[in-house]
Amino acid sequence: MDDLVCKYVYVDGKMLGESIDVHRNMLIVKVESRFYAVPVKLVKKVEGDRVHIEKFDRKKAETEGKKWIEEKSRPVSIEELRKYGFGEE
């Protein structure tokens, strides 16, 4: 699944956006300021830095993308930052 991240996503030969995550069998695609969650089963092929997917329900994908944002964009605590080497020295 890691081979799907950080690639350009195409639908019908047209670039849609950029893949940024795979979460719960959904490919998260950033399209301008929106995030779409597209089922991984819609991936047709991967060629180099391109992921080709089938057409999908954009409203449903955007709704699922909002759920991904809510789950993934929680505040980071000072303790978590320190654990990763950030903070006061």
C-alpha atoms as a PDB file:
ATOM      1  CA  MET A   1       0.000   0.000   0.000  1.00  0.00           C
ATOM      2  CA  ASP A   2       2.945   2.340   0.569  1.00  0.00           C
ATOM      3  CA  ASP A   3       3.481   2.356  -3.184  1.00  0.00           C
ATOM      4  CA  LEU A   4       0.248   4.384  -3.494  1.00  0.00           C
ATOM      5  CA  VAL A   5       1.392   7.374  -1.401  1.00  0.00           C
ATOM      6  CA  CYS A   6       3.048  10.555  -2.718  1.00  0.00           C
ATOM      7  CA  LYS A   7       1.920  10.013  -6.286  1.00  0.00           C
ATOM      8  CA  TYR A   8      -0.241  11.865  -8.759  1.00  0.00           C
ATOM      9  CA  VAL A   9      -3.744  10.437  -9.042  1.00  0.00           C
ATOM     10  CA  TYR A  10      -5.456  10.209 -12.439  1.00  0.00           C
ATOM     11  CA  VAL A  11      -9.056   9.509 -13.429  1.00  0.00           C
ATOM     12  CA  ASP A  12      -9.784   8.938 -17.127  1.00  0.00           C
ATOM     13  CA  GLY A  13      -6.324  10.217 -18.051  1.00  0.00           C
ATOM     14  CA  LYS A  14      -6.787  13.544 -16.221  1.00  0.00           C
ATOM     15  CA  MET A  15      -4.857  14.438 -13.104  1.00  0.00           C
ATOM     16  CA  LEU A  16      -7.124  14.672 -10.071  1.00  0.00           C
ATOM     17  CA  GLY A  17      -4.695  15.399  -7.240  1.00  0.00           C
ATOM     18  CA  GLU A  18      -1.984  13.843  -5.107  1.00  0.00           C
ATOM     19  CA  SER A  19      -2.194  10.754  -2.898  1.00  0.00           C
ATOM     20  CA  ILE A  20      -1.149  11.472   0.679  1.00  0.00           C
ATOM     21  CA  ASP A  21      -2.230   8.465   2.739  1.00  0.00           C
ATOM     22  CA  VAL A  22      -3.848   5.043   2.750  1.00  0.00           C
ATOM     23  CA  HIS A  23      -6.215   4.715   5.689  1.00  0.00           C
ATOM     24  CA  ARG A  24      -8.696   1.898   6.325  1.00  0.00           C
ATOM     25  CA  ASN A  25      -8.548   0.679   2.715  1.00  0.00           C
ATOM     26  CA  MET A  26      -9.121   4.201   1.429  1.00  0.00           C
ATOM     27  CA  LEU A  27      -6.684   6.180  -0.714  1.00  0.00           C
ATOM     28  CA  ILE A  28      -6.615   9.765   0.581  1.00  0.00           C
ATOM     29  CA  VAL A  29      -6.271  12.202  -2.305  1.00  0.00           C
ATOM     30  CA  LYS A  30      -5.586  15.917  -1.812  1.00  0.00           C
ATOM     31  CA  VAL A  31      -7.362  17.984  -4.454  1.00  0.00           C
ATOM     32  CA  GLU A  32      -6.665  21.686  -3.937  1.00  0.00           C
ATOM     33  CA  SER A  33      -8.072  22.343  -0.439  1.00  0.00           C
ATOM     34  CA  ARG A  34     -10.262  19.200  -0.350  1.00  0.00           C
ATOM     35  CA  PHE A  35      -9.476  15.636   0.640  1.00  0.00           C
ATOM     36  CA  TYR A  36     -11.140  12.655  -1.005  1.00  0.00           C
ATOM     37  CA  ALA A  37     -11.159   9.153   0.488  1.00  0.00           C
ATOM     38  CA  VAL A  38     -11.396   6.737  -2.451  1.00  0.00           C
ATOM     39  CA  PRO A  39     -11.676   2.968  -1.935  1.00  0.00           C
ATOM     40  CA  VAL A  40      -8.355   1.276  -2.730  1.00  0.00           C
ATOM     41  CA  LYS A  41     -10.284  -1.312  -4.757  1.00  0.00           C
ATOM     42  CA  LEU A  42     -10.810   1.432  -7.387  1.00  0.00           C
ATOM     43  CA  VAL A  43      -7.076   1.600  -8.131  1.00  0.00           C
ATOM     44  CA  LYS A  44      -6.622   0.251 -11.670  1.00  0.00           C
ATOM     45  CA  LYS A  45      -2.846   0.492 -11.975  1.00  0.00           C
ATOM     46  CA  VAL A  46       0.270   2.213 -10.681  1.00  0.00           C
ATOM     47  CA  GLU A  47       2.864   3.499 -13.165  1.00  0.00           C
ATOM     48  CA  GLY A  48       5.902   5.227 -11.711  1.00  0.00           C
ATOM     49  CA  ASP A  49       4.641   8.354  -9.938  1.00  0.00           C
ATOM     50  CA  ARG A  50       1.059   7.918 -11.199  1.00  0.00           C
ATOM     51  CA  VAL A  51      -1.908   6.086  -9.697  1.00  0.00           C
ATOM     52  CA  HIS A  52      -4.812   5.493 -12.066  1.00  0.00           C
ATOM     53  CA  ILE A  53      -8.220   5.044 -10.439  1.00  0.00           C
ATOM     54  CA  GLU A  54     -11.736   4.371 -11.673  1.00  0.00           C
ATOM     55  CA  LYS A  55     -14.473   7.000 -11.498  1.00  0.00           C
ATOM     56  CA  PHE A  56     -15.927   7.403  -8.023  1.00  0.00           C
ATOM     57  CA  ASP A  57     -18.692   9.189  -6.117  1.00  0.00           C
ATOM     58  CA  ARG A  58     -17.061  12.543  -5.319  1.00  0.00           C
ATOM     59  CA  LYS A  59     -19.621  13.613  -2.704  1.00  0.00           C
ATOM     60  CA  LYS A  60     -19.201  10.387  -0.768  1.00  0.00           C
ATOM     61  CA  ALA A  61     -15.403  10.544  -1.152  1.00  0.00           C
ATOM     62  CA  GLU A  62     -15.344  14.112   0.160  1.00  0.00           C
ATOM     63  CA  THR A  63     -17.532  13.158   3.133  1.00  0.00           C
ATOM     64  CA  GLU A  64     -15.173  10.284   3.937  1.00  0.00           C
ATOM     65  CA  GLY A  65     -12.213  12.623   3.434  1.00  0.00           C
ATOM     66  CA  LYS A  66     -13.617  14.960   6.083  1.00  0.00           C
ATOM     67  CA  LYS A  67     -13.799  12.027   8.503  1.00  0.00           C
ATOM     68  CA  TRP A  68     -10.130  11.306   7.785  1.00  0.00           C
ATOM     69  CA  ILE A  69      -9.236  14.943   8.552  1.00  0.00           C
ATOM     70  CA  GLU A  70     -11.117  14.836  11.870  1.00  0.00           C
ATOM     71  CA  GLU A  71      -9.375  11.636  12.889  1.00  0.00           C
ATOM     72  CA  LYS A  72      -5.869  12.547  11.703  1.00  0.00           C
ATOM     73  CA  SER A  73      -5.662  16.238  12.587  1.00  0.00           C
ATOM     74  CA  ARG A  74      -5.798  16.120  16.344  1.00  0.00           C
ATOM     75  CA  PRO A  75      -3.562  18.446  18.376  1.00  0.00           C
ATOM     76  CA  VAL A  76      -0.129  17.108  19.316  1.00  0.00           C
ATOM     77  CA  SER A  77       0.805  17.287  22.989  1.00  0.00           C
ATOM     78  CA  ILE A  78       4.066  18.736  24.316  1.00  0.00           C
ATOM     79  CA  GLU A  79       4.969  15.234  25.549  1.00  0.00           C
ATOM     80  CA  GLU A  80       4.529  13.806  22.036  1.00  0.00           C
ATOM     81  CA  LEU A  81       6.698  16.569  20.580  1.00  0.00           C
ATOM     82  CA  ARG A  82       9.450  15.905  23.118  1.00  0.00           C
ATOM     83  CA  LYS A  83       9.256  12.168  22.381  1.00  0.00           C
ATOM     84  CA  TYR A  84      10.205  12.970  18.797  1.00  0.00           C
ATOM     85  CA  GLY A  85      12.994  15.363  19.730  1.00  0.00           C
ATOM     86  CA  PHE A  86      11.180  18.696  19.554  1.00  0.00           C
ATOM     87  CA  GLY A  87      10.978  21.227  22.340  1.00  0.00           C
ATOM     88  CA  GLU A  88      13.362  22.724  24.829  1.00  0.00           C
ATOM     89  CA  GLU A  89      16.920  21.431  25.087  1.00  0.00           C
END
